[in-house]
């Protein structure tokens, strides 16, 4: 397995901190690229939020996902969702959604909001997992909360996480923070993430600049792919 040098384009440090990385110790986490967030008729739209900035991430994320699939790397998709009986829905989350007139489990144009098996819970066009990719259904914001994600990553001996998806300031950021606390070196793909507003999106990357990259590093997906392919070409010529 090829050993790659750090990504010098990433900020605020050259990712990863260990000084080198391998594809077989790296996982790509695609966070919540599902209709309930990206389709205006889904849960996010029912909250009264705009999906316009979320949509700015769709094309770059699709392109990155298609490109990274050409390499031997673990890809994991998440969906924020609940069991049909809503037995995994906390009162705190239930009451907040009800206050916004978008109760989890209520009927919307794409079926029951944030419920597994409904059309809204399914992946948005272009983000359907392919054979061998893993799907994690999560009842909260972080992909680590009440799921077996960490167990899978430990079994696969993953050390680095490349993260993309929606929303930047909530589920993506929560996953990155939890991953960092568990010792994974996280890299966030800036152009492959989206939030309700540009300001919320930018605030996450501003926070990553603090304390030398307190939660991880970030870069553009094109920078990551360019660095990967260029270094692979050098290895083949060596």
Protein backbone atom coordinates (compact mmCIF):
# COMPACT_ATOMS: atom_id res chain seq x y z
CA UNK A 1 0.00 0.00 0.00
CA UNK A 2 1.33 3.43 -1.00
CA UNK A 3 2.38 5.85 1.73
CA UNK A 4 1.46 9.46 0.97
CA UNK A 5 3.05 12.67 2.15
CA UNK A 6 1.04 15.31 4.06
CA UNK A 7 -1.35 17.56 2.16
CA UNK A 8 0.52 20.86 2.12
CA UNK A 9 -2.51 22.79 0.80
CA UNK A 10 -4.63 22.07 3.87
CA UNK A 11 -5.13 24.62 6.64
CA UNK A 12 -4.18 25.39 9.36
CA UNK A 13 -1.75 22.45 9.22
CA UNK A 14 -0.52 19.99 6.64
CA UNK A 15 -2.85 17.03 7.08
CA UNK A 16 -2.30 14.54 8.64
CA UNK A 17 -0.30 15.47 11.71
CA UNK A 18 1.47 12.11 11.69
CA UNK A 19 3.45 13.19 8.63
CA UNK A 20 2.17 10.47 6.30
CA UNK A 21 -1.03 8.63 5.43
CA UNK A 22 -2.32 5.60 3.58
CA UNK A 23 -5.54 4.90 1.75
CA UNK A 24 -6.21 1.79 3.83
CA UNK A 25 -6.07 3.79 7.08
CA UNK A 26 -8.34 6.54 5.75
CA UNK A 27 -12.14 6.66 5.58
CA UNK A 28 -14.37 9.08 3.69
CA UNK A 29 -17.50 10.09 5.62
CA UNK A 30 -20.37 11.41 3.48
CA UNK A 31 -22.73 13.09 5.92
CA UNK A 32 -26.51 13.18 5.34
CA UNK A 33 -26.65 13.72 1.58
CA UNK A 34 -30.31 12.72 1.66
CA UNK A 35 -33.56 14.17 0.33
CA UNK A 36 -34.77 15.32 3.74
CA UNK A 37 -31.96 17.90 3.71
CA UNK A 38 -31.29 18.59 0.04
CA UNK A 39 -34.81 18.52 -1.40
CA UNK A 40 -36.84 21.66 -0.54
CA UNK A 41 -39.82 19.37 0.15
CA UNK A 42 -37.92 17.50 2.87
CA UNK A 43 -37.32 18.03 6.57
CA UNK A 44 -34.90 20.95 6.22
CA UNK A 45 -37.38 22.83 4.06
CA UNK A 46 -40.15 22.08 6.56
CA UNK A 47 -38.05 23.85 9.19
CA UNK A 48 -38.27 26.98 7.05
CA UNK A 49 -34.60 26.79 6.05
CA UNK A 50 -33.25 27.52 2.59
CA UNK A 51 -31.53 24.72 0.68
CA UNK A 52 -29.71 27.05 -1.72
CA UNK A 53 -26.32 26.95 0.02
CA UNK A 54 -26.67 23.21 0.57
CA UNK A 55 -27.07 22.82 -3.17
CA UNK A 56 -23.76 24.57 -3.80
CA UNK A 57 -22.07 21.49 -2.31
CA UNK A 58 -23.85 18.93 -4.49
CA UNK A 59 -21.76 19.14 -7.68
CA UNK A 60 -18.35 19.24 -5.94
CA UNK A 61 -19.36 16.43 -3.59
CA UNK A 62 -20.59 14.24 -6.44
CA UNK A 63 -17.39 14.85 -8.38
CA UNK A 64 -15.23 14.05 -5.36
CA UNK A 65 -17.18 10.91 -4.50
CA UNK A 66 -16.93 9.58 -8.07
CA UNK A 67 -13.20 10.31 -8.12
CA UNK A 68 -12.35 8.82 -4.73
CA UNK A 69 -14.22 5.64 -5.65
CA UNK A 70 -11.42 4.96 -8.13
CA UNK A 71 -9.10 4.44 -5.16
CA UNK A 72 -9.12 1.73 -2.54
CA UNK A 73 -10.62 3.73 0.31
CA UNK A 74 -13.43 3.05 2.77
CA UNK A 75 -16.53 5.16 2.05
CA UNK A 76 -19.22 5.51 4.71
CA UNK A 77 -22.55 7.30 4.19
CA UNK A 78 -24.77 8.58 6.99
CA UNK A 79 -28.45 9.46 7.19
CA UNK A 80 -30.08 11.32 10.04
CA UNK A 81 -33.12 9.20 10.62
CA UNK A 82 -35.35 7.49 13.16
CA UNK A 83 -37.10 4.18 13.53
CA UNK A 84 -40.73 4.25 12.34
CA UNK A 85 -41.91 3.81 15.94
CA UNK A 86 -39.83 6.88 16.97
CA UNK A 87 -38.56 4.98 20.02
CA UNK A 88 -35.11 6.54 19.41
CA UNK A 89 -36.43 10.13 19.32
CA UNK A 90 -35.52 12.10 22.44
CA UNK A 91 -38.02 14.52 23.96
CA UNK A 92 -35.51 17.33 23.47
CA UNK A 93 -35.29 16.78 19.71
CA UNK A 94 -39.02 16.09 19.40
CA UNK A 95 -40.04 19.31 21.12
CA UNK A 96 -37.64 21.48 19.11
CA UNK A 97 -38.97 20.13 15.80
CA UNK A 98 -42.57 20.53 16.95
CA UNK A 99 -41.91 24.18 17.83
CA UNK A 100 -40.84 24.68 14.20
CA UNK A 101 -44.03 22.99 12.92
CA UNK A 102 -41.89 20.19 11.45
CA UNK A 103 -42.43 17.34 13.88
CA UNK A 104 -40.18 14.34 13.29
CA UNK A 105 -42.40 11.55 11.98
CA UNK A 106 -45.08 13.89 10.66
CA UNK A 107 -46.21 13.48 7.06
CA UNK A 108 -44.59 15.65 4.41
CA UNK A 109 -44.43 15.59 0.59
CA UNK A 110 -41.63 12.99 0.75
CA UNK A 111 -43.24 10.86 3.44
CA UNK A 112 -42.76 10.97 7.20
CA UNK A 113 -40.01 13.44 8.12
CA UNK A 114 -36.65 11.87 9.10
CA UNK A 115 -38.09 8.35 9.25
CA UNK A 116 -36.24 5.35 7.86
CA UNK A 117 -37.76 3.76 4.80
CA UNK A 118 -39.45 6.97 3.64
CA UNK A 119 -38.57 8.71 0.38
CA UNK A 120 -37.19 11.74 2.21
CA UNK A 121 -34.76 9.59 4.15
CA UNK A 122 -33.30 8.11 0.98
CA UNK A 123 -30.14 9.46 -0.64
CA UNK A 124 -30.26 12.43 -2.99
CA UNK A 125 -29.59 11.78 -6.67
CA UNK A 126 -25.93 10.98 -7.25
CA UNK A 127 -25.19 9.89 -3.68
CA UNK A 128 -26.58 6.38 -3.60
CA UNK A 129 -23.96 4.07 -2.04
CA UNK A 130 -22.35 1.52 -4.33
CA UNK A 131 -21.50 -2.06 -3.50
CA UNK A 132 -19.14 -2.28 -0.54
CA UNK A 133 -19.91 1.17 0.87
CA UNK A 134 -21.38 1.36 4.36
CA UNK A 135 -24.54 3.14 5.48
CA UNK A 136 -24.91 4.45 9.04
CA UNK A 137 -28.38 5.53 10.19
CA UNK A 138 -28.02 7.96 13.09
CA UNK A 139 -30.72 9.38 15.38
CA UNK A 140 -28.67 12.46 16.29
CA UNK A 141 -26.32 15.02 14.82
CA UNK A 142 -22.97 13.27 15.19
CA UNK A 143 -22.35 10.11 13.20
CA UNK A 144 -20.77 8.67 16.35
CA UNK A 145 -23.86 9.11 18.52
CA UNK A 146 -25.82 5.87 19.13
CA UNK A 147 -24.22 4.11 16.12
CA UNK A 148 -21.53 1.50 15.51
CA UNK A 149 -19.39 3.90 13.45
CA UNK A 150 -16.47 3.98 15.88
CA UNK A 151 -16.46 0.19 16.15
CA UNK A 152 -16.29 -0.13 12.36
CA UNK A 153 -13.45 2.40 12.14
CA UNK A 154 -11.46 0.62 14.86
CA UNK A 155 -11.94 -2.79 13.25
CA UNK A 156 -10.79 -1.37 9.90
CA UNK A 157 -7.79 0.29 11.64
CA UNK A 158 -8.75 3.74 10.37
CA UNK A 159 -6.64 6.69 11.55
CA UNK A 160 -7.74 9.56 9.30
CA UNK A 161 -11.19 10.83 8.33
CA UNK A 162 -12.04 12.88 5.24
CA UNK A 163 -15.45 14.47 5.85
CA UNK A 164 -18.01 16.11 3.58
CA UNK A 165 -21.77 16.67 3.50
CA UNK A 166 -24.49 18.70 5.19
CA UNK A 167 -24.99 20.65 7.22
CA UNK A 168 -21.55 22.16 7.81
CA UNK A 169 -22.37 23.72 11.17
CA UNK A 170 -24.44 20.89 12.64
CA UNK A 171 -24.05 17.24 11.59
CA UNK A 172 -20.75 17.69 9.76
CA UNK A 173 -19.17 19.76 12.53
CA UNK A 174 -20.55 17.49 15.26
CA UNK A 175 -19.07 14.44 13.54
CA UNK A 176 -15.70 16.13 13.07
CA UNK A 177 -15.52 17.19 16.72
CA UNK A 178 -16.45 13.73 17.96
CA UNK A 179 -13.95 12.14 15.58
CA UNK A 180 -11.23 14.46 16.79
CA UNK A 181 -11.99 13.62 20.44
CA UNK A 182 -11.65 9.93 19.57
CA UNK A 183 -8.17 10.48 18.14
CA UNK A 184 -8.93 10.52 14.41
CA UNK A 185 -7.15 13.19 12.34
CA UNK A 186 -10.00 14.88 10.48
CA UNK A 187 -9.94 16.72 7.16
CA UNK A 188 -13.01 18.70 6.10
CA UNK A 189 -13.62 19.34 2.39
CA UNK A 190 -14.73 22.96 2.29
CA UNK A 191 -16.42 23.03 -1.11
CA UNK A 192 -18.24 19.73 -0.50
CA UNK A 193 -20.16 21.02 2.53
CA UNK A 194 -23.20 23.27 2.83
CA UNK A 195 -25.23 25.02 5.52
CA UNK A 196 -28.41 27.07 5.83
CA UNK A 197 -26.35 30.21 5.17
CA UNK A 198 -22.90 31.12 3.93
CA UNK A 199 -22.18 32.73 7.31
CA UNK A 200 -22.88 29.52 9.23
CA UNK A 201 -20.74 27.60 6.76
CA UNK A 202 -17.80 29.98 7.10
CA UNK A 203 -18.02 30.02 10.89
CA UNK A 204 -17.01 26.37 11.03
CA UNK A 205 -13.81 26.97 9.09
CA UNK A 206 -13.04 30.03 11.19
CA UNK A 207 -13.24 27.79 14.27
CA UNK A 208 -10.80 25.34 12.70
CA UNK A 209 -8.19 28.08 12.51
CA UNK A 210 -8.10 28.32 16.30
CA UNK A 211 -5.47 26.62 18.46
CA UNK A 212 -3.58 25.21 15.50
CA UNK A 213 -6.55 23.34 14.09
CA UNK A 214 -8.32 22.36 17.26
CA UNK A 215 -10.81 20.02 15.55
CA UNK A 216 -8.86 19.20 12.38
CA UNK A 217 -7.82 20.67 9.05
CA UNK A 218 -9.62 21.68 5.86
CA UNK A 219 -9.04 22.15 2.14
CA UNK A 220 -10.83 22.15 -1.19
CA UNK A 221 -11.71 18.76 -2.66
CA UNK A 222 -9.81 19.63 -5.84
CA UNK A 223 -6.66 20.22 -3.80
CA UNK A 224 -7.02 16.85 -2.11
CA UNK A 225 -7.60 14.96 -5.36
CA UNK A 226 -4.82 16.81 -7.17
CA UNK A 227 -2.33 16.01 -4.42
CA UNK A 228 -3.43 12.37 -4.37
CA UNK A 229 -3.17 11.81 -8.13
CA UNK A 230 0.11 13.71 -8.50
CA UNK A 231 1.77 11.74 -5.74
CA UNK A 232 0.43 8.45 -7.10
CA UNK A 233 1.93 9.33 -10.49
CA UNK A 234 5.31 9.99 -8.88
CA UNK A 235 5.16 6.65 -7.09
CA UNK A 236 4.45 4.81 -10.36
CA UNK A 237 7.42 6.50 -12.04
CA UNK A 238 9.77 5.79 -9.14
